Amino acid sequence: MTAGEAYRAKLLTDDALDAAIAAYLADPSQPAMLEIGDKRLDVAAAVLANAYSTEVLAQDGATGPQRRNAVTTAILLAPVG
């Protein structure tokens, strides 16, 4: 199951997703974990595993919304396990 599937199944709330994204963007060097039921997702690992997200976040001119969308994409596509 991916985090996106968990989100559609209402196992992942908007508030939890928003908090994980904000925590990662505030300081990517700090651990940001997303709890989905009894499982956890490492946000930094999800971002590093997603080529699109790493490319956007590496751009100097990326806007706040672009950065947020990149992290959101990485999280929702990441497998939860």
N, C-alpha and C. Protein backbone atom coordinates (compact mmCIF):
# COMPACT_ATOMS: atom_id res chain seq x y z
N MET A 1 0.84 -1.18 0.00
CA MET A 1 0.00 0.00 0.00
C MET A 1 0.89 1.24 0.00
N THR A 2 0.51 2.22 -0.79
CA THR A 2 1.23 3.49 -0.80
C THR A 2 0.53 4.45 0.17
N ALA A 3 1.21 5.53 0.49
CA ALA A 3 0.60 6.54 1.35
C ALA A 3 -0.61 7.16 0.65
N GLY A 4 -0.57 7.27 -0.67
CA GLY A 4 -1.70 7.78 -1.43
C GLY A 4 -2.92 6.88 -1.28
N GLU A 5 -2.71 5.58 -1.33
CA GLU A 5 -3.81 4.64 -1.12
C GLU A 5 -4.34 4.74 0.31
N ALA A 6 -3.44 4.92 1.26
CA ALA A 6 -3.87 5.10 2.66
C ALA A 6 -4.65 6.39 2.82
N TYR A 7 -4.26 7.42 2.09
CA TYR A 7 -4.97 8.71 2.13
C TYR A 7 -6.38 8.55 1.57
N ARG A 8 -6.50 7.88 0.44
CA ARG A 8 -7.83 7.67 -0.15
C ARG A 8 -8.71 6.81 0.75
N ALA A 9 -8.10 5.89 1.49
CA ALA A 9 -8.84 5.02 2.41
C ALA A 9 -9.10 5.69 3.75
N LYS A 10 -8.71 6.95 3.88
CA LYS A 10 -8.91 7.75 5.10
C LYS A 10 -8.08 7.24 6.29
N LEU A 11 -7.01 6.51 6.00
CA LEU A 11 -6.09 6.08 7.05
C LEU A 11 -5.05 7.15 7.35
N LEU A 12 -4.91 8.08 6.42
CA LEU A 12 -3.99 9.20 6.55
C LEU A 12 -4.82 10.48 6.44
N THR A 13 -4.74 11.31 7.47
CA THR A 13 -5.56 12.53 7.49
C THR A 13 -4.83 13.70 6.84
N ASP A 14 -5.62 14.70 6.45
CA ASP A 14 -5.04 15.92 5.91
C ASP A 14 -4.10 16.58 6.92
N ASP A 15 -4.52 16.61 8.18
CA ASP A 15 -3.71 17.25 9.23
C ASP A 15 -2.36 16.55 9.39
N ALA A 16 -2.36 15.22 9.40
CA ALA A 16 -1.11 14.48 9.56
C ALA A 16 -0.20 14.69 8.35
N LEU A 17 -0.79 14.68 7.17
CA LEU A 17 -0.01 14.91 5.94
C LEU A 17 0.57 16.32 5.94
N ASP A 18 -0.24 17.32 6.25
CA ASP A 18 0.23 18.70 6.30
C ASP A 18 1.35 18.89 7.32
N ALA A 19 1.21 18.26 8.48
CA ALA A 19 2.22 18.38 9.53
C ALA A 19 3.56 17.77 9.09
N ALA A 20 3.49 16.62 8.44
CA ALA A 20 4.72 15.96 7.96
C ALA A 20 5.41 16.79 6.90
N ILE A 21 4.63 17.36 5.99
CA ILE A 21 5.20 18.20 4.93
C ILE A 21 5.85 19.44 5.53
N ALA A 22 5.14 20.09 6.44
CA ALA A 22 5.67 21.30 7.07
C ALA A 22 6.93 21.00 7.86
N ALA A 23 6.95 19.88 8.59
CA ALA A 23 8.13 19.52 9.38
C ALA A 23 9.33 19.28 8.47
N TYR A 24 9.12 18.58 7.37
CA TYR A 24 10.23 18.32 6.45
C TYR A 24 10.74 19.61 5.83
N LEU A 25 9.84 20.46 5.36
CA LEU A 25 10.27 21.69 4.70
C LEU A 25 10.92 22.66 5.68
N ALA A 26 10.52 22.63 6.94
CA ALA A 26 11.12 23.52 7.94
C ALA A 26 12.59 23.18 8.18
N ASP A 27 12.90 21.87 8.19
CA ASP A 27 14.28 21.45 8.40
C ASP A 27 14.46 20.02 7.89
N PRO A 28 14.87 19.87 6.63
CA PRO A 28 15.02 18.53 6.05
C PRO A 28 16.06 17.65 6.76
N SER A 29 16.93 18.25 7.55
CA SER A 29 17.94 17.44 8.24
C SER A 29 17.39 16.77 9.50
N GLN A 30 16.22 17.19 9.94
CA GLN A 30 15.60 16.59 11.12
C GLN A 30 14.64 15.49 10.70
N PRO A 31 14.52 14.44 11.52
CA PRO A 31 13.61 13.35 11.15
C PRO A 31 12.16 13.84 11.11
N ALA A 32 11.46 13.48 10.06
CA ALA A 32 10.03 13.76 9.94
C ALA A 32 9.36 12.42 9.62
N MET A 33 8.60 11.93 10.57
CA MET A 33 7.94 10.64 10.41
C MET A 33 6.45 10.85 10.29
N LEU A 34 5.84 10.05 9.46
CA LEU A 34 4.40 10.10 9.25
C LEU A 34 3.84 8.77 9.71
N GLU A 35 2.93 8.81 10.67
CA GLU A 35 2.33 7.57 11.18
C GLU A 35 1.03 7.30 10.44
N ILE A 36 0.95 6.10 9.90
CA ILE A 36 -0.24 5.66 9.17
C ILE A 36 -0.65 4.33 9.79
N GLY A 37 -1.66 4.40 10.64
CA GLY A 37 -2.06 3.21 11.38
C GLY A 37 -0.92 2.79 12.30
N ASP A 38 -0.50 1.55 12.17
CA ASP A 38 0.62 1.06 12.99
C ASP A 38 1.94 1.10 12.24
N LYS A 39 1.95 1.75 11.09
CA LYS A 39 3.16 1.85 10.28
C LYS A 39 3.68 3.29 10.27
N ARG A 40 4.97 3.43 9.90
CA ARG A 40 5.59 4.75 9.85
C ARG A 40 6.26 4.95 8.50
N LEU A 41 6.25 6.20 8.05
CA LEU A 41 6.90 6.56 6.79
C LEU A 41 7.91 7.66 7.06
N ASP A 42 9.14 7.41 6.68
CA ASP A 42 10.21 8.41 6.81
C ASP A 42 10.09 9.36 5.62
N VAL A 43 9.73 10.61 5.89
CA VAL A 43 9.49 11.58 4.83
C VAL A 43 10.76 11.86 4.03
N ALA A 44 11.89 11.99 4.70
CA ALA A 44 13.14 12.26 3.99
C ALA A 44 13.50 11.12 3.04
N ALA A 45 13.30 9.89 3.48
CA ALA A 45 13.58 8.74 2.62
C ALA A 45 12.64 8.73 1.42
N ALA A 46 11.38 9.09 1.64
CA ALA A 46 10.42 9.15 0.54
C ALA A 46 10.83 10.21 -0.48
N VAL A 47 11.28 11.35 0.00
CA VAL A 47 11.72 12.42 -0.91
C VAL A 47 12.95 11.98 -1.70
N LEU A 48 13.92 11.40 -1.02
CA LEU A 48 15.14 10.96 -1.70
C LEU A 48 14.88 9.86 -2.72
N ALA A 49 13.85 9.07 -2.51
CA ALA A 49 13.53 7.98 -3.43
C ALA A 49 12.75 8.45 -4.65
N ASN A 50 12.32 9.70 -4.66
CA ASN A 50 11.50 10.21 -5.75
C ASN A 50 12.32 11.20 -6.58
N ALA A 51 12.61 10.84 -7.82
CA ALA A 51 13.47 11.67 -8.67
C ALA A 51 12.89 13.06 -8.92
N TYR A 52 11.60 13.14 -9.16
CA TYR A 52 10.96 14.45 -9.40
C TYR A 52 11.14 15.36 -8.18
N SER A 53 10.88 14.83 -7.01
CA SER A 53 10.96 15.63 -5.80
C SER A 53 12.38 16.11 -5.53
N THR A 54 13.36 15.24 -5.70
CA THR A 54 14.73 15.65 -5.45
C THR A 54 15.16 16.72 -6.45
N GLU A 55 14.68 16.61 -7.69
CA GLU A 55 15.03 17.61 -8.71
C GLU A 55 14.43 18.97 -8.36
N VAL A 56 13.16 19.00 -7.99
CA VAL A 56 12.51 20.27 -7.65
C VAL A 56 13.16 20.90 -6.42
N LEU A 57 13.40 20.10 -5.40
CA LEU A 57 13.96 20.64 -4.16
C LEU A 57 15.40 21.11 -4.33
N ALA A 58 16.09 20.62 -5.35
CA ALA A 58 17.47 21.05 -5.60
C ALA A 58 17.54 22.35 -6.38
N GLN A 59 16.43 22.78 -6.98
CA GLN A 59 16.42 24.01 -7.76
C GLN A 59 16.44 25.22 -6.85
N ASP A 60 17.32 26.17 -7.14
CA ASP A 60 17.40 27.39 -6.34
C ASP A 60 16.14 28.24 -6.46
N GLY A 61 15.52 28.26 -7.62
CA GLY A 61 14.37 29.12 -7.85
C GLY A 61 13.02 28.49 -7.58
N ALA A 62 13.01 27.30 -6.98
CA ALA A 62 11.73 26.64 -6.71
C ALA A 62 10.94 27.45 -5.69
N THR A 63 9.67 27.67 -6.00
CA THR A 63 8.82 28.45 -5.10
C THR A 63 8.33 27.57 -3.94
N GLY A 64 7.77 28.22 -2.95
CA GLY A 64 7.22 27.48 -1.81
C GLY A 64 6.19 26.45 -2.22
N PRO A 65 5.20 26.83 -3.05
CA PRO A 65 4.22 25.84 -3.49
C PRO A 65 4.83 24.70 -4.31
N GLN A 66 5.84 24.99 -5.12
CA GLN A 66 6.50 23.93 -5.88
C GLN A 66 7.20 22.96 -4.93
N ARG A 67 7.85 23.49 -3.92
CA ARG A 67 8.55 22.65 -2.95
C ARG A 67 7.55 21.79 -2.17
N ARG A 68 6.45 22.40 -1.78
CA ARG A 68 5.41 21.68 -1.03
C ARG A 68 4.81 20.57 -1.90
N ASN A 69 4.52 20.87 -3.15
CA ASN A 69 3.96 19.85 -4.05
C ASN A 69 4.94 18.70 -4.28
N ALA A 70 6.22 19.02 -4.34
CA ALA A 70 7.23 17.97 -4.54
C ALA A 70 7.26 17.02 -3.35
N VAL A 71 7.21 17.56 -2.16
CA VAL A 71 7.22 16.71 -0.96
C VAL A 71 5.92 15.91 -0.88
N THR A 72 4.80 16.54 -1.18
CA THR A 72 3.51 15.86 -1.16
C THR A 72 3.53 14.67 -2.15
N THR A 73 4.03 14.91 -3.34
CA THR A 73 4.11 13.86 -4.35
C THR A 73 4.95 12.69 -3.85
N ALA A 74 6.10 12.99 -3.28
CA ALA A 74 6.98 11.93 -2.77
C ALA A 74 6.28 11.11 -1.70
N ILE A 75 5.59 11.78 -0.80
CA ILE A 75 4.91 11.08 0.29
C ILE A 75 3.81 10.19 -0.27
N LEU A 76 2.94 10.73 -1.11
CA LEU A 76 1.79 9.98 -1.58
C LEU A 76 2.17 8.79 -2.47
N LEU A 77 3.32 8.86 -3.13
CA LEU A 77 3.77 7.75 -3.97
C LEU A 77 4.59 6.70 -3.20
N ALA A 78 4.98 7.04 -1.98
CA ALA A 78 5.86 6.14 -1.20
C ALA A 78 5.09 4.93 -0.66
N PRO A 79 5.73 3.78 -0.70
CA PRO A 79 5.11 2.61 -0.08
C PRO A 79 5.16 2.72 1.45
N VAL A 80 4.12 2.25 2.07
CA VAL A 80 4.05 2.26 3.53
C VAL A 80 4.23 0.82 3.99
N GLY A 81 5.18 0.62 4.86
CA GLY A 81 5.39 -0.76 5.27
C GLY A 81 6.27 -0.93 6.42
